[in-house]
Amino acid sequence: MEKSQRVRVAVVQAAPVLMDREGTVARLAELTAQAAGQGAQVILFPEAFVPGYPRGLFLGTRVGSRTEAGRRDWLRYWQNSVPVPGPTTKAIAEAARAADAFLAVGVIERDTERSGGTLFCTMLYFGPDGSLLGKHRKLKPTASERLIWGEGDGSTLTVVDTPYGKVGGLICWENYMPLARTAMYAKGVDLYLAPTADARDSWQATIRHIALEGRCFVLACNQFVTKDMYPKDLACYDELADQPEVMCRGGSAIIGPMGDYAAGPVFGREEILVADLDLGLIAQSRYDFDVVGHYARPDVFHLTVDERKKDGVSF
């Protein structure tokens, strides 16, 4: 594949239509078109964008018990999750095709191998021709996320070849897993995608460190969500009573391979961040530090990555 020396990228800091898959996909298509209208060739949406990250809800869960109201809201979340492939991925693929851009989107994926299957926090990759190029399932949901999402395995450590180099990444706090990062660096990632739900100031240190460590461009994308965006008819809506009005303030950014901001960070509003990236900076930055190349010590350290699909039952 012929490589380009420059690429225009966009990260979309926005809110989904919470608990509404079709409404969110319609919004995604509109925002993708807006990013493409600004010339973006690679577009990233946040973690769990379709149908949303249920921040502030515990869905009736206590240690040792669950409530019926919580189960009803869980069912609603499950019903609005995304079978892969399926009609929802076809609609997102059409948005990528119409934009003529590579598109990466965080979704809550429904396991389609069994009826009533597990949900996964997943990043989907689409090509400018509308093809579904691959997916990555979050390896380790964080804290109470483990109540609603299952764990991915090594079979979806996906990296996609593009005219702008290799595109891949990890989701939210997976990026705190040094060995997972190392696996992605070893796959040659040039554009490192880091969709997240973390809006803390400390997250900025994380994404800048990844850019410096991997000597890659980092596209970090978060949602901007307020409490009044939640559907009022949730059975567990009263769980939000003590939550702040701004539930997630954002913090999306685009960072160069020497750790400098190319765009953002942006807090407190929805925005499409766009930046023109000089891909030659990647090789320049690796002149004095290539984490899995000349700066590695394979005689001292060795990482083995198991990329086999893991099933609980074998026949």
Protein backbone atom coordinates (compact mmCIF):
# COMPACT_ATOMS: atom_id res chain seq x y z
CA MET A 1 0.00 0.00 0.00
CA GLU A 2 1.42 3.37 -1.03
CA LYS A 3 2.08 5.51 2.02
CA SER A 4 1.09 9.13 2.38
CA GLN A 5 3.32 11.61 4.18
CA ARG A 6 0.46 13.60 5.67
CA VAL A 7 -2.99 12.88 7.04
CA ARG A 8 -5.81 14.96 8.45
CA VAL A 9 -7.39 13.32 11.49
CA ALA A 10 -10.42 14.13 13.62
CA VAL A 11 -11.57 13.10 17.09
CA VAL A 12 -15.24 13.63 17.85
CA GLN A 13 -15.97 14.76 21.41
CA ALA A 14 -19.74 14.37 21.64
CA ALA A 15 -22.54 12.60 23.47
CA PRO A 16 -24.57 9.68 22.16
CA VAL A 17 -28.34 9.48 22.43
CA LEU A 18 -28.04 7.46 25.62
CA MET A 19 -29.65 4.01 25.62
CA ASP A 20 -30.81 4.59 22.02
CA ARG A 21 -28.80 2.67 19.44
CA GLU A 22 -30.62 3.93 16.34
CA GLY A 23 -30.66 7.53 17.56
CA THR A 24 -26.95 7.35 18.35
CA VAL A 25 -26.05 5.88 14.96
CA ALA A 26 -27.98 8.68 13.25
CA ARG A 27 -26.01 11.20 15.32
CA LEU A 28 -22.77 9.37 14.52
CA ALA A 29 -23.49 9.60 10.78
CA GLU A 30 -24.14 13.34 11.07
CA LEU A 31 -20.96 13.97 13.07
CA THR A 32 -18.90 11.78 10.73
CA ALA A 33 -20.13 13.85 7.78
CA GLN A 34 -19.17 17.04 9.64
CA ALA A 35 -15.65 15.71 10.27
CA ALA A 36 -15.33 14.62 6.65
CA GLY A 37 -16.51 18.08 5.61
CA GLN A 38 -13.41 19.42 7.36
CA GLY A 39 -11.26 17.05 5.32
CA ALA A 40 -10.68 14.35 7.93
CA GLN A 41 -9.32 11.08 6.52
CA VAL A 42 -9.22 9.23 9.88
CA ILE A 43 -12.06 9.79 12.36
CA LEU A 44 -12.31 8.52 15.94
CA PHE A 45 -15.34 8.36 18.25
CA PRO A 46 -15.20 7.75 22.03
CA GLU A 47 -15.36 4.58 24.06
CA ALA A 48 -18.83 3.01 24.32
CA PHE A 49 -20.36 5.65 22.05
CA VAL A 50 -23.09 3.29 20.84
CA PRO A 51 -25.36 3.18 22.86
CA GLY A 52 -23.47 5.01 25.63
CA TYR A 53 -21.33 4.70 28.73
CA PRO A 54 -23.73 4.33 31.71
CA ARG A 55 -21.71 6.57 34.01
CA GLY A 56 -23.22 7.07 37.47
CA LEU A 57 -25.55 4.07 37.29
CA PHE A 58 -25.05 0.92 39.32
CA LEU A 59 -28.16 -0.78 37.86
CA GLY A 60 -29.48 -1.90 41.23
CA THR A 61 -26.37 -3.84 42.12
CA ARG A 62 -25.09 -4.43 45.63
CA VAL A 63 -22.63 -7.06 46.72
CA GLY A 64 -24.76 -10.19 46.94
CA SER A 65 -27.93 -8.82 45.29
CA ARG A 66 -29.51 -7.20 42.22
CA THR A 67 -32.84 -5.36 41.99
CA GLU A 68 -35.61 -5.96 39.45
CA ALA A 69 -35.40 -2.30 38.41
CA GLY A 70 -31.72 -2.77 37.71
CA ARG A 71 -32.42 -5.85 35.62
CA ARG A 72 -34.93 -3.88 33.54
CA ASP A 73 -32.41 -1.14 32.82
CA TRP A 74 -29.78 -3.77 32.05
CA LEU A 75 -32.15 -5.35 29.53
CA ARG A 76 -32.68 -1.96 27.91
CA TYR A 77 -28.91 -1.50 27.63
CA TRP A 78 -28.53 -5.01 26.23
CA GLN A 79 -31.32 -4.48 23.68
CA ASN A 80 -29.55 -1.35 22.43
CA SER A 81 -26.16 -3.04 22.16
CA VAL A 82 -24.55 -3.83 18.80
CA PRO A 83 -24.41 -7.27 17.15
CA VAL A 84 -21.23 -7.49 15.05
CA PRO A 85 -21.79 -7.75 12.16
CA GLY A 86 -25.40 -6.64 11.79
CA PRO A 87 -27.68 -3.81 10.70
CA THR A 88 -25.98 -1.31 13.03
CA THR A 89 -22.50 -2.03 11.70
CA LYS A 90 -23.89 -1.71 8.16
CA ALA A 91 -25.24 1.74 9.02
CA ILE A 92 -21.90 2.81 10.52
CA ALA A 93 -20.10 1.37 7.50
CA GLU A 94 -22.27 3.50 5.24
CA ALA A 95 -21.26 6.59 7.25
CA ALA A 96 -17.59 5.68 6.70
CA ARG A 97 -18.19 5.11 2.99
CA ALA A 98 -20.05 8.39 2.58
CA ALA A 99 -17.20 10.18 4.37
CA ASP A 100 -14.53 8.34 2.35
CA ALA A 101 -12.61 7.99 5.60
CA PHE A 102 -11.24 5.42 8.01
CA LEU A 103 -13.62 5.40 10.96
CA ALA A 104 -13.11 3.93 14.44
CA VAL A 105 -16.07 3.79 16.82
CA GLY A 106 -16.53 2.58 20.39
CA VAL A 107 -19.57 0.32 20.72
CA ILE A 108 -21.07 -2.03 23.26
CA GLU A 109 -20.90 -5.28 21.34
CA ARG A 110 -23.36 -8.10 21.95
CA ASP A 111 -22.00 -11.63 21.74
CA THR A 112 -23.99 -13.18 18.89
CA GLU A 113 -22.72 -16.73 19.33
CA ARG A 114 -25.30 -17.38 22.04
CA SER A 115 -28.81 -16.06 22.63
CA GLY A 116 -28.77 -13.50 25.44
CA GLY A 117 -25.01 -13.27 25.20
CA THR A 118 -22.38 -11.27 27.05
CA LEU A 119 -21.64 -7.61 26.25
CA PHE A 120 -18.16 -6.35 25.40
CA CYS A 121 -16.71 -2.86 25.25
CA THR A 122 -15.40 -2.87 21.69
CA MET A 123 -13.70 -0.61 19.16
CA LEU A 124 -14.73 -1.20 15.54
CA TYR A 125 -12.60 -0.23 12.53
CA PHE A 126 -14.19 0.67 9.18
CA GLY A 127 -12.54 1.46 5.85
CA PRO A 128 -13.39 4.29 3.44
CA ASP A 129 -15.11 1.74 1.20
CA GLY A 130 -17.48 0.84 4.05
CA SER A 131 -15.80 -2.46 4.92
CA LEU A 132 -15.61 -3.62 8.53
CA LEU A 133 -11.84 -4.05 8.90
CA GLY A 134 -11.70 -5.43 12.41
CA LYS A 135 -12.52 -5.00 16.07
CA HIS A 136 -10.85 -4.86 19.44
CA ARG A 137 -12.57 -6.04 22.62
CA LYS A 138 -11.43 -4.39 25.83
CA LEU A 139 -9.21 -6.88 27.63
CA LYS A 140 -10.05 -5.81 31.18
CA PRO A 141 -13.12 -3.74 32.08
CA THR A 142 -12.28 -1.46 34.98
CA ALA A 143 -13.85 -1.81 38.44
CA SER A 144 -17.68 -1.83 38.25
CA GLU A 145 -17.53 -2.02 34.44
CA ARG A 146 -16.98 -5.74 35.10
CA LEU A 147 -20.63 -5.99 36.16
CA ILE A 148 -21.81 -5.12 32.65
CA TRP A 149 -19.01 -6.12 30.23
CA GLY A 150 -17.06 -9.29 29.68
CA GLU A 151 -13.31 -9.54 29.02
CA GLY A 152 -11.82 -9.71 25.55
CA ASP A 153 -8.92 -11.97 24.62
CA GLY A 154 -5.77 -11.70 22.55
CA SER A 155 -7.54 -12.55 19.31
CA THR A 156 -8.70 -8.95 18.84
CA LEU A 157 -5.46 -7.01 19.30
CA THR A 158 -6.27 -5.43 15.97
CA VAL A 159 -4.04 -3.23 13.84
CA VAL A 160 -5.24 -1.94 10.46
CA ASP A 161 -3.01 -1.07 7.49
CA THR A 162 -3.87 2.29 5.92
CA PRO A 163 -2.16 4.69 3.52
CA TYR A 164 -1.25 6.67 6.66
CA GLY A 165 0.55 3.85 8.42
CA LYS A 166 -0.73 1.27 10.87
CA VAL A 167 -3.76 2.25 12.96
CA GLY A 168 -4.61 0.49 16.22
CA GLY A 169 -5.07 1.14 19.89
CA LEU A 170 -6.45 0.28 23.29
CA ILE A 171 -9.54 1.39 25.21
CA CYS A 172 -9.41 3.60 28.31
CA TRP A 173 -7.54 2.00 31.23
CA GLU A 174 -6.17 -0.79 29.05
CA ASN A 175 -3.67 1.94 28.27
CA TYR A 176 -2.32 1.54 31.81
CA MET A 177 -1.33 -2.06 30.98
CA PRO A 178 2.37 -1.86 29.98
CA LEU A 179 2.38 -5.26 28.29
CA ALA A 180 -0.72 -4.45 26.22
CA ARG A 181 0.91 -1.22 25.07
CA THR A 182 4.08 -3.12 24.20
CA ALA A 183 2.08 -5.55 22.08
CA MET A 184 0.59 -2.65 20.13
CA TYR A 185 3.98 -1.01 19.64
CA ALA A 186 5.36 -4.32 18.38
CA LYS A 187 2.58 -4.41 15.79
CA GLY A 188 3.97 -1.15 14.43
CA VAL A 189 1.22 1.30 15.37
CA ASP A 190 1.74 4.77 13.88
CA LEU A 191 -1.66 6.25 14.71
CA TYR A 192 -2.52 5.05 18.20
CA LEU A 193 -6.22 5.32 19.10
CA ALA A 194 -7.15 5.81 22.76
CA PRO A 195 -10.91 6.20 23.16
CA THR A 196 -11.76 6.63 26.82
CA ALA A 197 -14.26 7.57 29.51
CA ASP A 198 -11.56 9.16 31.71
CA ALA A 199 -11.84 12.97 31.94
CA ARG A 200 -9.32 13.50 34.75
CA ASP A 201 -6.32 15.78 34.38
CA SER A 202 -4.07 12.77 35.00
CA TRP A 203 -5.36 11.14 31.78
CA GLN A 204 -3.55 13.85 29.84
CA ALA A 205 -0.26 12.63 31.34
CA THR A 206 -1.13 9.10 30.23
CA ILE A 207 -1.80 9.89 26.59
CA ARG A 208 1.25 12.14 26.33
CA HIS A 209 3.38 9.37 27.84
CA ILE A 210 2.05 6.88 25.26
CA ALA A 211 2.97 9.25 22.44
CA LEU A 212 6.49 9.60 23.84
CA GLU A 213 6.89 5.91 24.65
CA GLY A 214 5.52 4.59 21.37
CA ARG A 215 6.85 7.49 19.28
CA CYS A 216 3.48 7.59 17.58
CA PHE A 217 0.60 10.00 17.10
CA VAL A 218 -2.09 9.50 19.75
CA LEU A 219 -5.75 10.25 19.04
CA ALA A 220 -7.52 10.41 22.40
CA CYS A 221 -11.30 10.77 22.39
CA ASN A 222 -13.86 11.15 25.18
CA GLN A 223 -17.54 12.04 25.45
CA PHE A 224 -19.06 15.26 26.74
CA VAL A 225 -22.19 14.26 28.67
CA THR A 226 -24.54 16.09 31.04
CA LYS A 227 -27.08 14.56 33.42
CA ASP A 228 -30.04 15.97 31.51
CA MET A 229 -29.06 13.78 28.53
CA TYR A 230 -30.06 10.62 30.44
CA PRO A 231 -33.52 9.22 29.69
CA LYS A 232 -35.83 10.13 32.56
CA ASP A 233 -37.75 6.87 32.30
CA LEU A 234 -34.84 4.71 33.47
CA ALA A 235 -36.03 2.44 36.26
CA CYS A 236 -32.88 3.34 38.20
CA TYR A 237 -32.85 7.05 37.31
CA ASP A 238 -32.80 7.99 41.01
CA GLU A 239 -29.27 6.52 41.20
CA LEU A 240 -28.13 9.74 39.47
CA ALA A 241 -29.46 12.00 42.24
CA ASP A 242 -26.06 12.78 43.74
CA GLN A 243 -24.24 13.03 40.41
CA PRO A 244 -22.94 16.39 39.04
CA GLU A 245 -24.68 18.12 36.15
CA VAL A 246 -21.63 17.57 33.92
CA MET A 247 -21.19 13.81 34.01
CA CYS A 248 -18.19 13.71 31.66
CA ARG A 249 -16.30 16.88 30.72
CA GLY A 250 -14.28 15.46 27.81
CA GLY A 251 -10.55 16.03 27.47
CA SER A 252 -10.12 14.80 23.88
CA ALA A 253 -6.77 15.60 22.27
CA ILE A 254 -4.42 14.80 19.42
CA ILE A 255 -0.76 14.39 20.38
CA GLY A 256 2.43 14.17 18.35
CA PRO A 257 5.21 11.58 18.74
CA MET A 258 7.29 13.93 20.89
CA GLY A 259 4.42 14.40 23.35
CA ASP A 260 3.25 17.80 22.13
CA TYR A 261 -0.42 18.65 21.58
CA ALA A 262 -1.46 18.97 17.94
CA ALA A 263 -5.04 19.78 19.04
CA GLY A 264 -6.80 20.11 22.37
CA PRO A 265 -7.34 19.09 25.03
CA VAL A 266 -10.93 20.33 25.00
CA PHE A 267 -13.11 20.33 28.12
CA GLY A 268 -16.66 21.37 28.85
CA ARG A 269 -18.25 21.20 25.41
CA GLU A 270 -18.80 19.12 22.32
CA GLU A 271 -16.25 19.66 19.58
CA ILE A 272 -14.67 17.97 16.59
CA LEU A 273 -10.90 18.35 16.92
CA VAL A 274 -8.99 18.30 13.63
CA ALA A 275 -5.25 18.22 13.02
CA ASP A 276 -2.92 17.80 10.04
CA LEU A 277 -0.21 15.30 10.91
CA ASP A 278 3.24 15.10 9.33
CA LEU A 279 3.91 11.37 9.35
CA GLY A 280 7.61 11.93 8.80
CA LEU A 281 7.79 13.01 12.44
CA ILE A 282 7.34 9.37 13.48
CA ALA A 283 10.66 8.27 11.95
CA GLN A 284 12.34 11.43 13.22
CA SER A 285 11.15 10.77 16.75
CA ARG A 286 12.39 7.17 16.66
CA TYR A 287 15.91 8.32 15.76
CA ASP A 288 16.86 8.33 19.43
CA PHE A 289 14.17 6.10 20.93
CA ASP A 290 12.40 3.12 19.35
CA VAL A 291 10.77 1.18 22.17
CA VAL A 292 10.56 -2.17 20.37
CA GLY A 293 13.50 -1.49 18.02
CA HIS A 294 16.98 -0.26 18.82
CA TYR A 295 15.99 0.73 22.37
CA ALA A 296 14.71 -2.75 23.20
CA ARG A 297 16.75 -5.39 25.02
CA PRO A 298 15.40 -8.73 23.77
CA ASP A 299 18.37 -10.46 25.40
CA VAL A 300 16.97 -9.33 28.76
CA PHE A 301 13.21 -8.91 28.25
CA HIS A 302 10.77 -10.96 26.18
CA LEU A 303 6.98 -10.69 25.85
CA THR A 304 4.81 -13.54 24.58
CA VAL A 305 1.33 -12.60 23.36
CA ASP A 306 -1.34 -15.27 22.99
CA GLU A 307 -3.62 -14.24 20.13
CA ARG A 308 -5.75 -17.37 20.13
CA LYS A 309 -9.51 -16.99 20.57
CA LYS A 310 -10.50 -18.36 23.97
CA ASP A 311 -13.78 -20.24 24.42
CA GLY A 312 -15.05 -21.62 27.69
CA VAL A 313 -16.23 -24.84 26.05
CA SER A 314 -14.50 -26.94 23.38
CA PHE A 315 -16.19 -29.62 21.31
